[in-house]
Each structure stands twice: as C-alpha cells, then as structure tokens.
C-alpha cells in the first residue's frame, strides 16, 4: 500500500501537494489562502523529454501551531479534487 494511502499520523514539517499541471497547482493554492505562503515548483519526471510531462508541486511550510488532523484531511481532499496527492517534503 502506498504511503499516501495510509495516513494514520499527523505529519510534521513541509508538505508537498503533487499535481499534474500548473493551473491546478495555482488554483488549489489560491483557493485556500489559510495555508499561508506557498511555492510552486515544476518537477520534471525522470526520463521524460517532453516539457509537458512534468508534475507541479505546491510546497507548504508547516504552520507555527503544526499540522492538525482536520487541516491535513482538508489538504488531502483538495489535492484529490485535482487528481493529486500530498507527500512529506
């Protein structure tokens, strides 16, 4: 089972939302400004020559009060709406 499918603890530190395209990454990040400042990063897939074949990462820094279960669940749901997922960063 993939680690992204088996979230039983609240994460610590930076989180990455992995999305298929920049528009989805920007839409997700702008939709929920409570996540605070974010960084968009283009992540080219290994072995891919086509510039279109890239993932976009929304880099979220850990809030001062840490990640709580409700926020993590909401972030996971938002990423899922855009056919993406969350990873520890």
Foldseek 3Di string as FASTA:
>chain_A
DDPQVDDDDADFWKKKKKALDDVLLVCLCVVDCVLPDWDKDWAADPPDPDPSRTIIITIGGAPPVGGDPVNQVVSQVSSVVRVITMDHD
